[in-house]
N, C-alpha and C. Protein backbone atom coordinates (compact mmCIF):
# COMPACT_ATOMS: atom_id res chain seq x y z
N MET A 1 25.89 -2.85 15.31
CA MET A 1 24.91 -2.26 14.41
C MET A 1 23.50 -2.38 14.99
N ARG A 2 23.18 -3.56 15.50
CA ARG A 2 21.84 -3.76 16.05
C ARG A 2 21.57 -2.82 17.22
N SER A 3 22.58 -2.61 18.05
CA SER A 3 22.42 -1.73 19.19
C SER A 3 22.12 -0.30 18.73
N LEU A 4 22.77 0.14 17.67
CA LEU A 4 22.54 1.48 17.13
C LEU A 4 21.11 1.59 16.61
N LEU A 5 20.64 0.56 15.91
CA LEU A 5 19.27 0.57 15.40
C LEU A 5 18.26 0.59 16.55
N THR A 6 18.55 -0.17 17.59
CA THR A 6 17.66 -0.20 18.75
C THR A 6 17.60 1.17 19.41
N LYS A 7 18.75 1.81 19.55
CA LYS A 7 18.79 3.14 20.15
C LYS A 7 18.00 4.14 19.32
N ARG A 8 18.13 4.05 18.00
CA ARG A 8 17.41 4.96 17.12
C ARG A 8 15.90 4.71 17.21
N ALA A 9 15.52 3.44 17.26
CA ALA A 9 14.10 3.10 17.37
C ALA A 9 13.51 3.63 18.67
N VAL A 10 14.22 3.46 19.75
CA VAL A 10 13.75 3.96 21.05
C VAL A 10 13.61 5.47 21.01
N LYS A 11 14.57 6.15 20.39
CA LYS A 11 14.52 7.61 20.29
C LYS A 11 13.28 8.05 19.49
N LEU A 12 13.01 7.38 18.39
CA LEU A 12 11.84 7.72 17.58
C LEU A 12 10.53 7.47 18.34
N ILE A 13 10.47 6.36 19.04
CA ILE A 13 9.27 6.05 19.82
C ILE A 13 9.04 7.11 20.89
N ARG A 14 10.11 7.54 21.53
CA ARG A 14 9.97 8.58 22.56
C ARG A 14 9.44 9.88 21.95
N LEU A 15 9.89 10.21 20.75
CA LEU A 15 9.39 11.41 20.08
C LEU A 15 7.90 11.29 19.78
N LEU A 16 7.47 10.10 19.38
CA LEU A 16 6.06 9.89 19.06
C LEU A 16 5.16 9.96 20.28
N LEU A 17 5.70 9.67 21.44
CA LEU A 17 4.89 9.64 22.66
C LEU A 17 4.78 11.00 23.34
N LYS A 18 5.49 12.00 22.81
CA LYS A 18 5.42 13.33 23.42
C LYS A 18 4.11 14.01 23.03
N PRO A 19 3.51 14.72 23.97
CA PRO A 19 2.28 15.45 23.64
C PRO A 19 2.57 16.59 22.66
N VAL A 20 1.59 16.93 21.87
CA VAL A 20 1.71 18.05 20.94
C VAL A 20 0.54 19.01 21.17
N LYS A 21 0.75 20.27 20.84
CA LYS A 21 -0.32 21.26 20.97
C LYS A 21 -1.14 21.27 19.69
N VAL A 22 -2.44 21.27 19.85
CA VAL A 22 -3.35 21.36 18.71
C VAL A 22 -4.43 22.39 19.05
N SER A 23 -5.10 22.86 18.03
CA SER A 23 -6.17 23.83 18.26
C SER A 23 -7.36 23.14 18.94
N ALA A 24 -8.23 23.95 19.50
CA ALA A 24 -9.43 23.42 20.15
C ALA A 24 -10.29 22.64 19.16
N ASP A 25 -10.35 23.12 17.91
CA ASP A 25 -11.14 22.41 16.89
C ASP A 25 -10.59 21.02 16.61
N VAL A 26 -9.28 20.92 16.49
CA VAL A 26 -8.66 19.61 16.23
C VAL A 26 -8.86 18.69 17.43
N TYR A 27 -8.71 19.23 18.63
CA TYR A 27 -8.93 18.43 19.83
C TYR A 27 -10.36 17.90 19.88
N ASP A 28 -11.33 18.77 19.63
CA ASP A 28 -12.73 18.35 19.64
C ASP A 28 -13.01 17.29 18.58
N LEU A 29 -12.43 17.47 17.40
CA LEU A 29 -12.61 16.49 16.33
C LEU A 29 -12.04 15.13 16.74
N CYS A 30 -10.84 15.13 17.31
CA CYS A 30 -10.22 13.87 17.75
C CYS A 30 -11.03 13.22 18.86
N LYS A 31 -11.54 14.03 19.76
CA LYS A 31 -12.35 13.52 20.87
C LYS A 31 -13.63 12.84 20.34
N LYS A 32 -14.29 13.50 19.39
CA LYS A 32 -15.50 12.91 18.80
C LYS A 32 -15.17 11.66 18.00
N ALA A 33 -14.08 11.70 17.24
CA ALA A 33 -13.68 10.53 16.46
C ALA A 33 -13.40 9.35 17.38
N TYR A 34 -12.71 9.61 18.49
CA TYR A 34 -12.42 8.54 19.45
C TYR A 34 -13.72 7.96 20.02
N TYR A 35 -14.65 8.83 20.37
CA TYR A 35 -15.93 8.38 20.92
C TYR A 35 -16.63 7.44 19.93
N TYR A 36 -16.75 7.87 18.68
CA TYR A 36 -17.44 7.05 17.69
C TYR A 36 -16.66 5.78 17.36
N SER A 37 -15.35 5.88 17.39
CA SER A 37 -14.53 4.69 17.14
C SER A 37 -14.75 3.64 18.22
N GLN A 38 -14.91 4.08 19.46
CA GLN A 38 -15.12 3.16 20.57
C GLN A 38 -16.55 2.63 20.67
N ASN A 39 -17.52 3.36 20.12
CA ASN A 39 -18.93 3.04 20.34
C ASN A 39 -19.70 2.70 19.07
N SER A 40 -19.04 2.21 18.05
CA SER A 40 -19.74 1.97 16.78
C SER A 40 -19.70 0.52 16.33
N ASP A 41 -19.37 -0.39 17.23
CA ASP A 41 -19.26 -1.81 16.86
C ASP A 41 -18.40 -2.00 15.62
N GLU A 42 -17.27 -1.29 15.58
CA GLU A 42 -16.28 -1.38 14.49
C GLU A 42 -16.79 -0.85 13.15
N SER A 43 -17.89 -0.11 13.15
CA SER A 43 -18.37 0.52 11.91
C SER A 43 -17.53 1.73 11.55
N PHE A 44 -16.92 2.35 12.55
CA PHE A 44 -16.07 3.51 12.34
C PHE A 44 -14.75 3.28 13.04
N ASP A 45 -13.64 3.43 12.31
CA ASP A 45 -12.30 3.25 12.88
C ASP A 45 -11.52 4.53 12.65
N MET A 46 -11.18 5.22 13.73
CA MET A 46 -10.48 6.50 13.58
C MET A 46 -9.00 6.33 13.23
N ALA A 47 -8.49 5.12 13.29
CA ALA A 47 -7.08 4.89 12.99
C ALA A 47 -6.79 5.16 11.51
N ILE A 48 -5.61 5.64 11.23
CA ILE A 48 -5.23 5.97 9.86
C ILE A 48 -4.78 4.72 9.09
N GLY A 49 -4.47 3.65 9.79
CA GLY A 49 -3.97 2.44 9.14
C GLY A 49 -4.84 1.92 8.01
N PRO A 50 -6.16 1.79 8.22
CA PRO A 50 -7.00 1.30 7.13
C PRO A 50 -6.97 2.19 5.89
N ILE A 51 -6.90 3.50 6.07
CA ILE A 51 -6.83 4.41 4.92
C ILE A 51 -5.49 4.26 4.22
N THR A 52 -4.42 4.18 5.01
CA THR A 52 -3.09 4.01 4.44
C THR A 52 -3.03 2.74 3.59
N SER A 53 -3.59 1.67 4.09
CA SER A 53 -3.61 0.41 3.34
C SER A 53 -4.47 0.51 2.09
N LEU A 54 -5.66 1.08 2.22
CA LEU A 54 -6.58 1.19 1.10
C LEU A 54 -6.00 2.05 -0.02
N TRP A 55 -5.40 3.17 0.33
CA TRP A 55 -4.86 4.09 -0.67
C TRP A 55 -3.43 3.74 -1.05
N ARG A 56 -2.82 2.77 -0.36
CA ARG A 56 -1.44 2.33 -0.62
C ARG A 56 -0.45 3.47 -0.42
N ILE A 57 -0.70 4.32 0.57
CA ILE A 57 0.16 5.47 0.84
C ILE A 57 1.56 4.97 1.19
N GLY A 58 2.57 5.57 0.54
CA GLY A 58 3.95 5.19 0.77
C GLY A 58 4.46 4.13 -0.18
N PHE A 59 3.61 3.67 -1.09
CA PHE A 59 3.99 2.66 -2.07
C PHE A 59 3.91 3.25 -3.47
N PRO A 60 4.65 2.67 -4.43
CA PRO A 60 4.63 3.20 -5.81
C PRO A 60 3.24 3.24 -6.43
N ASP A 61 2.36 2.33 -6.02
CA ASP A 61 1.02 2.29 -6.62
C ASP A 61 -0.02 3.05 -5.78
N ALA A 62 0.43 4.06 -5.02
CA ALA A 62 -0.48 4.86 -4.19
C ALA A 62 -1.54 5.52 -5.06
N HIS A 63 -2.77 5.54 -4.55
CA HIS A 63 -3.88 6.13 -5.31
C HIS A 63 -5.06 6.41 -4.39
N LYS A 64 -5.91 7.32 -4.81
CA LYS A 64 -7.18 7.53 -4.12
C LYS A 64 -8.16 6.52 -4.69
N PRO A 65 -8.92 5.85 -3.83
CA PRO A 65 -9.88 4.88 -4.36
C PRO A 65 -10.98 5.58 -5.16
N THR A 66 -11.48 4.88 -6.15
CA THR A 66 -12.55 5.45 -6.98
C THR A 66 -13.86 4.76 -6.70
């Protein structure tokens, strides 16, 4: 069973690492977000993790903060 789970995990990780096509606007937005994320002394974090945690996305008590 563990071997099957490991194989599935590896397969999912490989899918996540594949490049995807995006529009020029999305690319430019990501590029700017990355720049500010790297150069803002942690004032701006482009990662989705903090938003997911704040809004509780994926949990029964998910909500937009007020």
